[in-house]
């Protein structure tokens, strides 16, 4: 079956959004299964959710005994449902906490296809959804248990519903009343997940469209009063409960301690210059990098078309906000990646169904950009292997690394070659297939095998082999840790894991509990043991890299001799 016939087959009705969701699923699933818990945000989110389930408190968000008043509760509720249905909090299986993120990525891809289909036609819709689902940024966020993939899903759904209403007022297909409720439901859940981002993106889009078109009557179709009732019904009960439970402390910390510093400067060292997000886009949008120049040309050339106008109104103000914002992280612009995919699809497919010719300069620019990024990503794979590969696994890991690098490089080279050869749809298909393969191999085979990076997972495995892991029910809990306080270790070992210093570690040994001590705390630990007149036996040693700080770490697991004898019986 030809590529064109396949596109036609998969673009009709529900099949386009379903196919886009399938691409996002395939791109995110390998990492969801294989990647160990990540520091720091993922493990903080997962640990806070685990404590909700353990303590049966679904209002106040905490990490151990400290309140975590930075984001609303939505993602924790979603993770709690997933873990309750598929796992258990005591099992500490990170994949169960990642299910909502994968679902959010699938929703984003499906909604992207749904919205683009109304503005550009069903064929362009399926292309746009598949492109978004395959991007490195979305497929990476799909396996990280935090807010961003779900936020992207809700924001894309809200803007896709808004786009369908806009299209209906500009000669497009008629909408169902459910479209309005989809908009408000997505906005409400988006607020419950990450506060003002979804309504901000929607509001900026409406504002620019109203100014550009010099009319805003179509916005009355949003049924504002009923929409605000939906918003209050979804967000209000928790907002009221958390206000009472924390005596207003949640809002003081969330606004004054988290949001305001991000607006004032580079919060938590996450600063960056204007243009930061734009410079990263060719990498984060890979493998659709080869169509970014064509998307820019399509945006300018066809800016009078309703669909292109809507995409620009969504993309430009949102992007500018994040470029102006002093605090910058790569994933901040993810809610604006769908209109990039829309413009790229418009460059491939005209609204009437015909192809959109690309000039030679655009084709060569896209091919060159994709080739450079693909080769750079392939080089990055070998660089990581040179730094962190275990020599004992060198042969197997080298083959996995070579396959990953070859897939990523080929996504750029083959896609670029086909683009230059005037086969843009084939170029996109090749780039998507090879890019998704490369990302999957990187997340499932290469990255998890870089053992020095996964210190917490190796400590958990060492304790399990020694039969000292708290959930094994043999050694006394909790484990005390001195000199290493990453959230991934708390998630691995349990909510009551101690993160004190050498004195607390020595006290744990005296109380017949395991202790983990980093090299920098070793001398103080020995003195603390001597002052108590107790001995500790080393049962494991883990060396690695704390990639959150960029520091080498050397951790040793200790236990009292009496405990060691007991667990060996």
Protein backbone atom coordinates (compact mmCIF):
# COMPACT_ATOMS: atom_id res chain seq x y z
CA UNK A 1 0.00 0.00 0.00
CA UNK A 2 1.41 3.42 -0.97
CA UNK A 3 2.13 6.09 1.62
CA UNK A 4 -0.54 8.35 0.16
CA UNK A 5 -3.20 5.63 0.40
CA UNK A 6 -2.12 4.85 3.95
CA UNK A 7 -2.51 8.51 4.88
CA UNK A 8 -5.97 8.61 3.35
CA UNK A 9 -6.96 5.46 5.20
CA UNK A 10 -5.79 6.76 8.58
CA UNK A 11 -7.00 10.35 8.28
CA UNK A 12 -10.76 9.88 8.30
CA UNK A 13 -13.00 10.40 11.33
CA UNK A 14 -11.65 9.10 14.63
CA UNK A 15 -8.77 7.27 12.97
CA UNK A 16 -6.58 10.35 12.61
CA UNK A 17 -6.54 11.25 16.33
CA UNK A 18 -6.26 7.53 17.23
CA UNK A 19 -3.24 7.09 14.96
CA UNK A 20 -1.57 10.20 16.44
CA UNK A 21 -2.18 8.85 19.96
CA UNK A 22 -0.64 5.52 18.91
CA UNK A 23 2.52 7.30 17.74
CA UNK A 24 2.79 9.10 21.10
CA UNK A 25 2.22 5.81 22.91
CA UNK A 26 4.97 4.02 20.97
CA UNK A 27 7.36 6.93 21.46
CA UNK A 28 6.85 7.17 25.22
CA UNK A 29 6.35 3.54 26.27
CA UNK A 30 9.99 2.31 26.18
CA UNK A 31 11.14 4.98 28.62
CA UNK A 32 8.11 4.47 30.86
CA UNK A 33 9.04 0.82 31.31
CA UNK A 34 12.83 0.96 31.38
CA UNK A 35 14.01 4.26 32.89
CA UNK A 36 14.79 4.28 36.63
CA UNK A 37 13.21 7.02 38.77
CA UNK A 38 14.66 10.41 37.83
CA UNK A 39 15.95 13.18 40.05
CA UNK A 40 14.68 15.48 41.06
CA UNK A 41 11.19 16.53 40.09
CA UNK A 42 9.88 13.13 39.04
CA UNK A 43 10.83 11.47 42.31
CA UNK A 44 9.45 14.37 44.33
CA UNK A 45 6.10 14.10 42.56
CA UNK A 46 5.99 10.32 42.88
CA UNK A 47 7.02 10.38 46.54
CA UNK A 48 4.37 13.00 47.37
CA UNK A 49 1.73 10.85 45.65
CA UNK A 50 2.93 7.77 47.51
CA UNK A 51 2.54 9.62 50.81
CA UNK A 52 -0.99 10.63 49.87
CA UNK A 53 -1.86 6.98 49.47
CA UNK A 54 -0.01 5.91 52.61
CA UNK A 55 -1.51 8.62 54.81
CA UNK A 56 -4.92 8.81 53.12
CA UNK A 57 -4.56 12.59 52.80
CA UNK A 58 -5.49 13.82 49.32
CA UNK A 59 -5.55 17.53 50.07
CA UNK A 60 -2.17 18.57 51.49
CA UNK A 61 0.86 17.75 49.34
CA UNK A 62 3.99 16.75 51.28
CA UNK A 63 7.46 15.39 50.60
CA UNK A 64 8.32 13.50 53.78
CA UNK A 65 7.41 15.99 56.54
CA UNK A 66 7.87 19.12 54.43
CA UNK A 67 4.90 20.75 52.69
CA UNK A 68 5.23 20.86 48.91
CA UNK A 69 3.14 23.87 48.02
CA UNK A 70 4.31 24.61 44.48
CA UNK A 71 1.75 23.03 42.16
CA UNK A 72 -1.93 22.13 42.48
CA UNK A 73 -3.01 18.62 43.30
CA UNK A 74 -4.26 17.35 39.93
CA UNK A 75 -1.26 15.28 38.88
CA UNK A 76 -1.07 13.62 42.30
CA UNK A 77 -4.70 12.54 42.10
CA UNK A 78 -4.12 11.10 38.64
CA UNK A 79 -1.03 9.23 39.81
CA UNK A 80 -2.86 7.99 42.89
CA UNK A 81 -5.61 6.50 40.72
CA UNK A 82 -3.03 4.86 38.46
CA UNK A 83 -1.02 3.38 41.34
CA UNK A 84 -4.14 2.18 43.16
CA UNK A 85 -5.41 0.45 40.01
CA UNK A 86 -2.15 -1.02 38.71
CA UNK A 87 0.30 -1.32 41.61
CA UNK A 88 0.75 -0.58 45.32
CA UNK A 89 2.48 2.43 46.97
CA UNK A 90 4.80 0.13 48.94
CA UNK A 91 5.96 -1.56 45.72
CA UNK A 92 7.67 1.68 44.58
CA UNK A 93 7.12 0.88 40.89
CA UNK A 94 7.78 4.14 39.09
CA UNK A 95 6.07 3.02 35.86
CA UNK A 96 2.69 3.14 37.60
CA UNK A 97 3.22 6.81 38.47
CA UNK A 98 4.12 7.56 34.84
CA UNK A 99 0.86 6.32 33.30
CA UNK A 100 -0.87 9.74 33.52
CA UNK A 101 2.07 11.36 31.71
CA UNK A 102 1.87 8.83 28.88
CA UNK A 103 -1.89 9.35 28.69
CA UNK A 104 -1.33 13.12 28.61
CA UNK A 105 1.09 12.81 25.70
CA UNK A 106 -1.37 10.62 23.83
CA UNK A 107 -4.14 13.15 24.47
CA UNK A 108 -1.92 15.97 23.20
CA UNK A 109 -1.20 14.13 19.94
CA UNK A 110 -4.84 13.13 19.44
CA UNK A 111 -6.13 16.64 20.20
CA UNK A 112 -3.53 18.11 17.85
CA UNK A 113 -4.86 15.93 15.03
CA UNK A 114 -8.48 16.71 15.96
CA UNK A 115 -7.98 20.47 15.92
CA UNK A 116 -5.83 20.56 12.78
CA UNK A 117 -8.35 18.41 10.92
CA UNK A 118 -11.00 21.12 11.20
CA UNK A 119 -8.69 23.88 9.97
CA UNK A 120 -6.50 22.15 7.40
CA UNK A 121 -8.29 18.92 6.51
CA UNK A 122 -8.15 15.38 7.87
CA UNK A 123 -4.92 14.48 6.05
CA UNK A 124 -3.09 17.45 7.56
CA UNK A 125 -4.61 16.58 10.93
CA UNK A 126 -3.15 13.10 11.09
CA UNK A 127 0.24 14.42 9.96
CA UNK A 128 0.22 17.15 12.61
CA UNK A 129 -0.79 14.75 15.39
CA UNK A 130 1.85 12.20 14.41
CA UNK A 131 4.50 14.91 14.30
CA UNK A 132 3.66 16.18 17.78
CA UNK A 133 3.53 12.65 19.20
CA UNK A 134 7.01 11.86 17.87
CA UNK A 135 8.82 15.01 19.03
CA UNK A 136 11.67 14.38 21.45
CA UNK A 137 10.26 16.79 24.00
CA UNK A 138 6.77 15.29 24.23
CA UNK A 139 7.95 11.66 24.02
CA UNK A 140 10.43 12.34 26.83
CA UNK A 141 7.87 14.05 29.06
CA UNK A 142 5.58 11.07 28.34
CA UNK A 143 7.69 8.87 30.63
CA UNK A 144 8.39 11.37 33.41
CA UNK A 145 5.93 11.31 36.31
CA UNK A 146 5.27 15.03 36.64
CA UNK A 147 2.89 17.66 35.32
CA UNK A 148 4.17 18.64 31.89
CA UNK A 149 2.83 15.93 29.56
CA UNK A 150 -0.60 16.14 31.19
CA UNK A 151 -0.48 19.94 30.95
CA UNK A 152 0.38 19.64 27.24
CA UNK A 153 -2.56 17.27 26.77
CA UNK A 154 -5.06 19.56 28.48
CA UNK A 155 -3.79 22.74 26.83
CA UNK A 156 -3.76 21.14 23.38
CA UNK A 157 -7.28 19.80 23.88
CA UNK A 158 -8.55 23.20 25.03
CA UNK A 159 -6.97 25.02 22.07
CA UNK A 160 -8.09 22.32 19.62
CA UNK A 161 -11.68 22.76 20.81
CA UNK A 162 -11.30 26.54 20.50
CA UNK A 163 -9.88 26.07 16.99
CA UNK A 164 -12.87 24.00 15.92
CA UNK A 165 -15.20 26.74 17.14
CA UNK A 166 -13.13 29.29 15.23
CA UNK A 167 -13.13 27.12 12.11
CA UNK A 168 -16.92 26.74 12.25
CA UNK A 169 -17.27 30.54 12.19
CA UNK A 170 -14.93 30.71 9.18
CA UNK A 171 -16.49 28.20 6.84
CA UNK A 172 -15.18 25.04 8.48
CA UNK A 173 -17.10 21.98 9.67
CA UNK A 174 -19.89 22.56 12.21
CA UNK A 175 -19.18 21.80 15.85
CA UNK A 176 -21.00 19.72 18.42
CA UNK A 177 -22.11 21.24 21.76
CA UNK A 178 -19.62 18.83 23.33
CA UNK A 179 -16.79 20.91 21.83
CA UNK A 180 -17.53 23.77 24.22
CA UNK A 181 -17.62 21.44 27.20
CA UNK A 182 -14.36 19.83 26.06
CA UNK A 183 -12.78 23.30 26.10
CA UNK A 184 -13.93 24.10 29.62
CA UNK A 185 -13.16 20.64 31.00
CA UNK A 186 -9.63 20.85 29.60
CA UNK A 187 -9.12 24.34 31.05
CA UNK A 188 -10.41 23.24 34.46
CA UNK A 189 -8.23 20.14 34.62
CA UNK A 190 -5.28 22.17 33.30
CA UNK A 191 -5.72 24.61 36.20
CA UNK A 192 -5.87 21.72 38.65
CA UNK A 193 -2.64 20.33 37.20
CA UNK A 194 -0.48 23.45 36.78
CA UNK A 195 -2.37 26.57 37.70
CA UNK A 196 -2.60 29.44 35.21
CA UNK A 197 -0.78 28.02 32.16
CA UNK A 198 -3.73 26.58 30.21
CA UNK A 199 -6.02 29.61 30.68
CA UNK A 200 -3.06 31.90 29.90
CA UNK A 201 -2.39 30.17 26.56
CA UNK A 202 -6.09 30.17 25.66
CA UNK A 203 -6.53 33.81 26.72
CA UNK A 204 -3.54 35.06 24.73
CA UNK A 205 -4.78 33.20 21.67
CA UNK A 206 -8.26 34.70 21.95
CA UNK A 207 -6.86 38.18 22.49
CA UNK A 208 -4.57 38.14 19.46
CA UNK A 209 -7.28 36.66 17.23
CA UNK A 210 -9.76 39.32 18.36
CA UNK A 211 -7.28 42.08 17.55
CA UNK A 212 -6.16 40.51 14.27
CA UNK A 213 -9.68 39.76 13.00
CA UNK A 214 -11.19 42.89 14.54
CA UNK A 215 -14.10 40.81 15.73
CA UNK A 216 -14.67 38.51 18.67
CA UNK A 217 -18.34 37.59 18.40
CA UNK A 218 -17.55 33.91 17.90
CA UNK A 219 -16.19 33.78 21.47
CA UNK A 220 -19.74 34.15 22.79
CA UNK A 221 -20.23 30.53 21.75
CA UNK A 222 -18.03 29.46 24.66
CA UNK A 223 -20.99 29.83 27.08
CA UNK A 224 -18.84 31.72 29.58
CA UNK A 225 -21.11 31.53 32.61
CA UNK A 226 -21.56 27.79 32.35
CA UNK A 227 -17.85 27.43 31.67
CA UNK A 228 -16.89 29.31 34.80
CA UNK A 229 -19.29 27.10 36.76
CA UNK A 230 -17.49 24.03 35.38
CA UNK A 231 -14.14 25.58 36.34
CA UNK A 232 -15.29 26.30 39.89
CA UNK A 233 -16.86 22.86 40.24
CA UNK A 234 -13.59 21.15 39.30
CA UNK A 235 -11.08 23.38 41.09
CA UNK A 236 -13.14 24.91 43.90
CA UNK A 237 -13.54 21.96 46.31
CA UNK A 238 -9.83 21.26 46.52
CA UNK A 239 -8.91 24.98 46.58
CA UNK A 240 -11.22 25.49 49.55
CA UNK A 241 -10.04 22.38 51.35
CA UNK A 242 -6.33 23.17 50.97
CA UNK A 243 -6.91 26.76 52.08
CA UNK A 244 -8.53 25.55 55.29
CA UNK A 245 -6.05 22.70 55.87
CA UNK A 246 -2.98 24.92 55.47
CA UNK A 247 -4.48 28.14 56.86
CA UNK A 248 -3.76 29.79 53.51
CA UNK A 249 -0.14 28.63 53.55
CA UNK A 250 -0.47 26.80 50.23
CA UNK A 251 -1.27 30.00 48.34
CA UNK A 252 1.40 32.01 50.11
CA UNK A 253 4.07 29.50 49.13
CA UNK A 254 2.72 28.70 45.65
CA UNK A 255 2.44 32.35 44.62
CA UNK A 256 5.05 34.07 46.78
CA UNK A 257 7.58 31.24 47.01
CA UNK A 258 7.33 29.63 43.56
CA UNK A 259 5.54 31.75 40.94
CA UNK A 260 6.80 35.24 41.92
CA UNK A 261 10.51 34.29 41.94
CA UNK A 262 10.14 32.77 38.45
CA UNK A 263 8.74 36.07 37.20
CA UNK A 264 11.42 38.10 38.96
CA UNK A 265 14.56 36.17 37.97
CA UNK A 266 16.16 32.84 37.15
CA UNK A 267 14.53 30.77 39.90
CA UNK A 268 16.62 27.91 41.36
CA UNK A 269 19.48 28.73 38.91
CA UNK A 270 17.20 28.00 35.92
CA UNK A 271 17.87 31.23 34.06
CA UNK A 272 18.53 31.78 30.39
CA UNK A 273 18.76 34.52 27.75
CA UNK A 274 16.02 35.62 25.40
CA UNK A 275 16.04 33.12 22.52
CA UNK A 276 16.84 30.14 24.79
CA UNK A 277 13.72 28.21 23.77
CA UNK A 278 14.09 29.05 20.10
CA UNK A 279 17.68 27.79 20.01
CA UNK A 280 16.65 24.52 21.65
CA UNK A 281 13.68 23.91 19.35
CA UNK A 282 15.57 22.10 16.54
CA UNK A 283 16.72 19.52 19.10
CA UNK A 284 13.54 19.23 21.17
CA UNK A 285 11.27 19.12 18.11
CA UNK A 286 13.37 16.45 16.39
CA UNK A 287 12.61 14.61 14.11
CA UNK A 288 10.22 17.21 12.65
CA UNK A 289 13.19 19.58 12.58
CA UNK A 290 13.42 19.12 8.82
CA UNK A 291 10.06 20.92 8.39
CA UNK A 292 10.69 23.88 10.70
CA UNK A 293 11.86 26.20 7.86
CA UNK A 294 8.85 25.14 5.76
CA UNK A 295 6.56 25.81 8.73
CA UNK A 296 7.98 29.34 9.09
CA UNK A 297 7.45 30.01 5.38
CA UNK A 298 3.90 28.61 5.50
CA UNK A 299 3.10 30.83 8.50
CA UNK A 300 4.13 33.94 6.60
CA UNK A 301 2.82 33.01 3.16
CA UNK A 302 -0.61 31.83 4.32
CA UNK A 303 -1.16 34.09 7.32
CA UNK A 304 -4.51 35.22 5.87
CA UNK A 305 -5.95 31.70 6.16
CA UNK A 306 -8.03 31.07 9.31
CA UNK A 307 -6.08 27.95 10.27
CA UNK A 308 -2.67 29.56 9.92
CA UNK A 309 -3.91 32.68 11.70
CA UNK A 310 -5.10 30.57 14.63
CA UNK A 311 -1.79 28.66 14.79
CA UNK A 312 0.18 31.92 14.86
CA UNK A 313 -2.12 33.39 17.51
CA UNK A 314 -1.51 30.30 19.64
CA UNK A 315 2.22 29.99 19.02
CA UNK A 316 3.65 33.52 19.01
CA UNK A 317 2.33 35.16 22.22
CA UNK A 318 2.79 32.00 24.29
CA UNK A 319 6.33 31.57 23.00
CA UNK A 320 7.18 35.22 23.70
CA UNK A 321 5.92 34.92 27.28
CA UNK A 322 8.28 32.02 27.95
CA UNK A 323 11.18 33.73 26.18
CA UNK A 324 10.65 36.88 28.26
CA UNK A 325 10.21 34.95 31.51
CA UNK A 326 13.58 35.02 33.35
CA UNK A 327 13.23 31.45 34.61
CA UNK A 328 13.64 28.97 31.77
CA UNK A 329 13.45 25.20 31.50
CA UNK A 330 13.34 23.30 28.19
CA UNK A 331 9.83 21.92 28.68
CA UNK A 332 8.14 25.27 29.35
CA UNK A 333 7.18 25.79 25.68
CA UNK A 334 5.68 22.30 25.24
CA UNK A 335 2.07 23.65 25.30
CA UNK A 336 2.99 25.61 22.14
CA UNK A 337 4.42 22.69 20.14
CA UNK A 338 1.07 21.70 18.60
CA UNK A 339 0.81 24.88 16.48
CA UNK A 340 4.35 24.20 15.23
CA UNK A 341 3.09 20.83 14.04
CA UNK A 342 0.02 22.51 12.48
CA UNK A 343 2.18 24.89 10.47
CA UNK A 344 4.47 22.06 9.38
CA UNK A 345 1.42 20.08 8.25
CA UNK A 346 0.13 23.13 6.36
CA UNK A 347 3.46 23.25 4.53
CA UNK A 348 2.83 19.66 3.39
CA UNK A 349 -0.87 19.74 2.63
CA UNK A 350 -3.00 22.55 1.26
CA UNK A 351 -6.55 22.88 2.70
CA UNK A 352 -8.05 21.57 -0.52
CA UNK A 353 -6.03 18.36 -0.28
CA UNK A 354 -3.27 19.11 -2.76
CA UNK A 355 0.41 19.24 -1.91
CA UNK A 356 2.20 22.48 -1.01
CA UNK A 357 5.29 23.03 -3.17
CA UNK A 358 8.47 23.95 -1.29
CA UNK A 359 11.22 26.04 -2.78
CA UNK A 360 14.75 24.64 -3.00
CA UNK A 361 16.08 26.98 -0.29
CA UNK A 362 13.46 25.80 2.21
CA UNK A 363 14.11 22.16 1.38
CA UNK A 364 17.89 22.51 1.71
CA UNK A 365 17.60 24.48 4.95
CA UNK A 366 15.32 21.83 6.46
CA UNK A 367 17.54 18.98 5.27
CA UNK A 368 20.67 20.66 6.60
CA UNK A 369 19.12 21.46 9.97
CA UNK A 370 17.79 17.91 10.40
CA UNK A 371 21.13 16.40 9.37
CA UNK A 372 23.11 18.54 11.82
CA UNK A 373 20.76 17.75 14.71
CA UNK A 374 20.58 14.03 13.89
CA UNK A 375 24.39 13.75 13.74
CA UNK A 376 24.74 15.80 16.93
CA UNK A 377 22.33 13.52 18.78
CA UNK A 378 24.19 10.47 17.51
CA UNK A 379 27.46 11.98 18.69
CA UNK A 380 25.85 12.69 22.06
CA UNK A 381 25.02 8.99 22.45
CA UNK A 382 28.65 7.99 21.97
CA UNK A 383 29.78 10.78 24.29
CA UNK A 384 27.51 9.47 27.06
CA UNK A 385 28.84 5.96 26.48
CA UNK A 386 32.42 7.18 26.74
CA UNK A 387 31.67 8.84 30.08
CA UNK A 388 29.37 6.37 31.82
CA UNK A 389 29.42 2.96 30.12
CA UNK A 390 30.48 0.02 32.26
CA UNK A 391 33.48 -1.68 30.61
CA UNK A 392 32.14 -5.10 31.64
CA UNK A 393 29.04 -4.49 29.49
CA UNK A 394 30.94 -2.71 26.74
CA UNK A 395 30.12 -5.11 23.90
CA UNK A 396 26.35 -5.24 24.40
CA UNK A 397 26.10 -1.56 25.25
CA UNK A 398 28.19 -0.61 22.23
CA UNK A 399 25.76 -2.44 19.94
CA UNK A 400 22.80 -0.71 21.59
CA UNK A 401 24.56 2.64 21.33
CA UNK A 402 25.47 2.08 17.70
CA UNK A 403 21.85 1.16 16.83
CA UNK A 404 20.59 4.24 18.68
CA UNK A 405 23.09 6.56 17.03
CA UNK A 406 22.41 5.07 13.60
CA UNK A 407 18.66 5.57 14.01
CA UNK A 408 19.02 9.18 15.12
CA UNK A 409 21.55 10.07 12.44
CA UNK A 410 19.47 8.32 9.78
CA UNK A 411 16.36 10.24 10.83
CA UNK A 412 18.16 13.42 9.87
CA UNK A 413 20.09 12.10 6.86
CA UNK A 414 17.36 10.02 5.21
CA UNK A 415 14.64 12.54 5.99
CA UNK A 416 16.82 15.34 4.64
CA UNK A 417 17.73 13.44 1.49
CA UNK A 418 14.09 12.66 0.70
CA UNK A 419 13.12 16.27 1.39
CA UNK A 420 15.71 17.53 -1.07
CA UNK A 421 14.50 14.89 -3.54
CA UNK A 422 11.05 16.53 -3.49
CA UNK A 423 9.33 13.78 -1.49
CA UNK A 424 8.37 15.74 1.66
CA UNK A 425 5.71 13.36 2.98
CA UNK A 426 8.05 10.38 2.54
CA UNK A 427 10.80 12.43 4.21
CA UNK A 428 8.54 13.07 7.19
CA UNK A 429 7.49 9.41 7.43
CA UNK A 430 11.12 8.22 7.37
CA UNK A 431 12.18 10.81 9.93
CA UNK A 432 9.31 9.94 12.28
CA UNK A 433 9.90 6.18 12.11
CA UNK A 434 13.67 6.44 12.58
CA UNK A 435 13.37 9.18 15.20
CA UNK A 436 10.90 7.21 17.32
CA UNK A 437 13.13 4.13 17.03
CA UNK A 438 16.18 6.14 18.12
CA UNK A 439 14.38 7.72 21.04
CA UNK A 440 13.02 4.35 22.15
CA UNK A 441 16.45 2.72 22.03
CA UNK A 442 17.99 5.63 23.91
CA UNK A 443 15.35 5.50 26.66
CA UNK A 444 15.06 1.71 26.93
CA UNK A 445 18.53 0.35 26.17
CA UNK A 446 21.24 3.00 26.41
CA UNK A 447 20.31 5.39 29.21
CA UNK A 448 19.26 2.74 31.80
CA UNK A 449 22.58 0.94 31.19
CA UNK A 450 24.68 3.97 32.16
CA UNK A 451 25.01 2.66 35.70
CA UNK A 452 27.02 5.51 37.28
CA UNK A 453 24.01 7.80 36.75
CA UNK A 454 21.53 5.62 38.65
CA UNK A 455 22.94 5.80 42.16
CA UNK A 456 19.64 5.49 44.01
CA UNK A 457 18.47 2.49 41.99
CA UNK A 458 21.79 0.72 42.60
CA UNK A 459 21.62 1.46 46.34
CA UNK A 460 18.10 0.02 46.42
CA UNK A 461 19.31 -3.11 44.61
CA UNK A 462 22.29 -3.46 46.96
CA UNK A 463 20.05 -3.26 50.03
CA UNK A 464 17.69 -5.78 48.49
CA UNK A 465 20.53 -8.24 47.79
CA UNK A 466 21.69 -7.85 51.39
CA UNK A 467 18.08 -8.34 52.60
CA UNK A 468 18.17 -4.93 54.29
CA UNK A 469 15.52 -3.16 52.22
CA UNK A 470 12.80 -1.93 54.62
CA UNK A 471 9.90 -3.41 52.63
CA UNK A 472 11.48 -6.87 52.86
CA UNK A 473 10.47 -6.83 56.53
CA UNK A 474 13.72 -8.20 57.95
CA UNK A 475 15.89 -5.26 58.98
CA UNK A 476 14.55 -2.45 61.15
CA UNK A 477 13.35 0.68 59.33
CA UNK A 478 14.00 3.38 58.36
CA UNK A 479 17.35 3.53 56.60
CA UNK A 480 19.44 6.56 57.58
CA UNK A 481 21.42 8.37 54.87
CA UNK A 482 24.30 10.79 55.43
CA UNK A 483 25.70 12.98 52.66
CA UNK A 484 23.26 12.06 49.88
CA UNK A 485 19.72 13.42 49.91
CA UNK A 486 18.25 12.91 46.44
CA UNK A 487 14.46 12.40 46.20
CA UNK A 488 14.92 9.24 44.13
CA UNK A 489 16.48 7.52 47.15
CA UNK A 490 13.57 8.53 49.39
CA UNK A 491 11.16 7.13 46.80
CA UNK A 492 13.18 3.91 46.58
CA UNK A 493 13.61 3.30 50.31
CA UNK A 494 10.38 4.67 51.78
CA UNK A 495 8.75 7.83 53.08
CA UNK A 496 10.43 7.71 56.48
CA UNK A 497 13.98 7.44 55.10
CA UNK A 498 16.31 9.57 57.24
CA UNK A 499 18.37 12.28 55.56
CA UNK A 500 20.40 13.49 58.52
CA UNK A 501 24.14 13.63 59.00
CA UNK A 502 26.83 11.33 60.39
CA UNK A 503 25.44 11.46 63.94
CA UNK A 504 22.04 10.21 62.76
CA UNK A 505 23.70 7.45 60.73
CA UNK A 506 25.62 6.26 63.79
CA UNK A 507 22.43 6.38 65.84
CA UNK A 508 20.79 4.16 63.22
CA UNK A 509 23.57 1.57 63.55
CA UNK A 510 23.21 1.62 67.33
CA UNK A 511 19.48 1.05 66.85
CA UNK A 512 20.18 -1.91 64.52
CA UNK A 513 19.02 -0.04 61.42
CA UNK A 514 20.96 0.18 58.11
CA UNK A 515 22.86 3.34 57.25
CA UNK A 516 24.22 4.75 54.00
CA UNK A 517 27.20 7.08 54.28
CA UNK A 518 28.82 9.16 51.57
CA UNK A 519 32.60 9.43 51.51
CA UNK A 520 32.59 13.07 52.68
CA UNK A 521 30.76 12.03 55.86
CA UNK A 522 32.87 8.91 56.49
CA UNK A 523 35.28 10.38 59.08
CA UNK A 524 32.50 12.04 61.09
CA UNK A 525 30.58 8.75 60.93
CA UNK A 526 33.52 6.78 62.33
CA UNK A 527 33.92 9.25 65.21
CA UNK A 528 30.21 9.10 65.96
CA UNK A 529 30.34 5.29 66.07
CA UNK A 530 33.37 5.38 68.38
CA UNK A 531 31.64 7.80 70.75
CA UNK A 532 28.78 5.32 71.08
CA UNK A 533 30.98 2.26 71.35
CA UNK A 534 29.32 0.46 68.45
CA UNK A 535 30.64 -1.20 65.30
CA UNK A 536 29.38 -1.13 61.73
CA UNK A 537 30.00 -3.63 58.96
CA UNK A 538 30.19 -2.49 55.33
CA UNK A 539 27.91 -4.61 53.15
CA UNK A 540 27.96 -2.68 49.85
CA UNK A 541 29.71 0.16 48.09
CA UNK A 542 28.23 2.23 45.26
CA UNK A 543 30.21 4.71 43.24
CA UNK A 544 28.59 6.98 40.69
CA UNK A 545 27.59 10.48 39.66
CA UNK A 546 24.94 12.67 41.18
CA UNK A 547 23.84 14.14 37.85
CA UNK A 548 21.59 16.71 39.54
CA UNK A 549 24.67 18.36 41.01
CA UNK A 550 27.38 17.05 38.70
CA UNK A 551 29.30 15.55 41.66
CA UNK A 552 30.99 12.17 41.97
CA UNK A 553 29.64 10.19 44.91
CA UNK A 554 31.00 7.21 46.83
CA UNK A 555 28.41 5.65 49.16
CA UNK A 556 28.77 2.70 51.51
CA UNK A 557 26.00 0.69 53.11
CA UNK A 558 26.57 -0.24 56.76
CA UNK A 559 24.78 -2.38 59.29
CA UNK A 560 25.48 -3.58 62.84
CA UNK A 561 27.21 -7.02 63.03
CA UNK A 562 24.25 -8.47 64.92
CA UNK A 563 21.84 -7.46 62.17
CA UNK A 564 24.08 -8.92 59.50
CA UNK A 565 24.17 -12.26 61.30
CA UNK A 566 20.38 -12.25 61.62
CA UNK A 567 19.68 -11.55 57.94
CA UNK A 568 22.16 -14.24 56.85
CA UNK A 569 20.43 -16.97 58.81
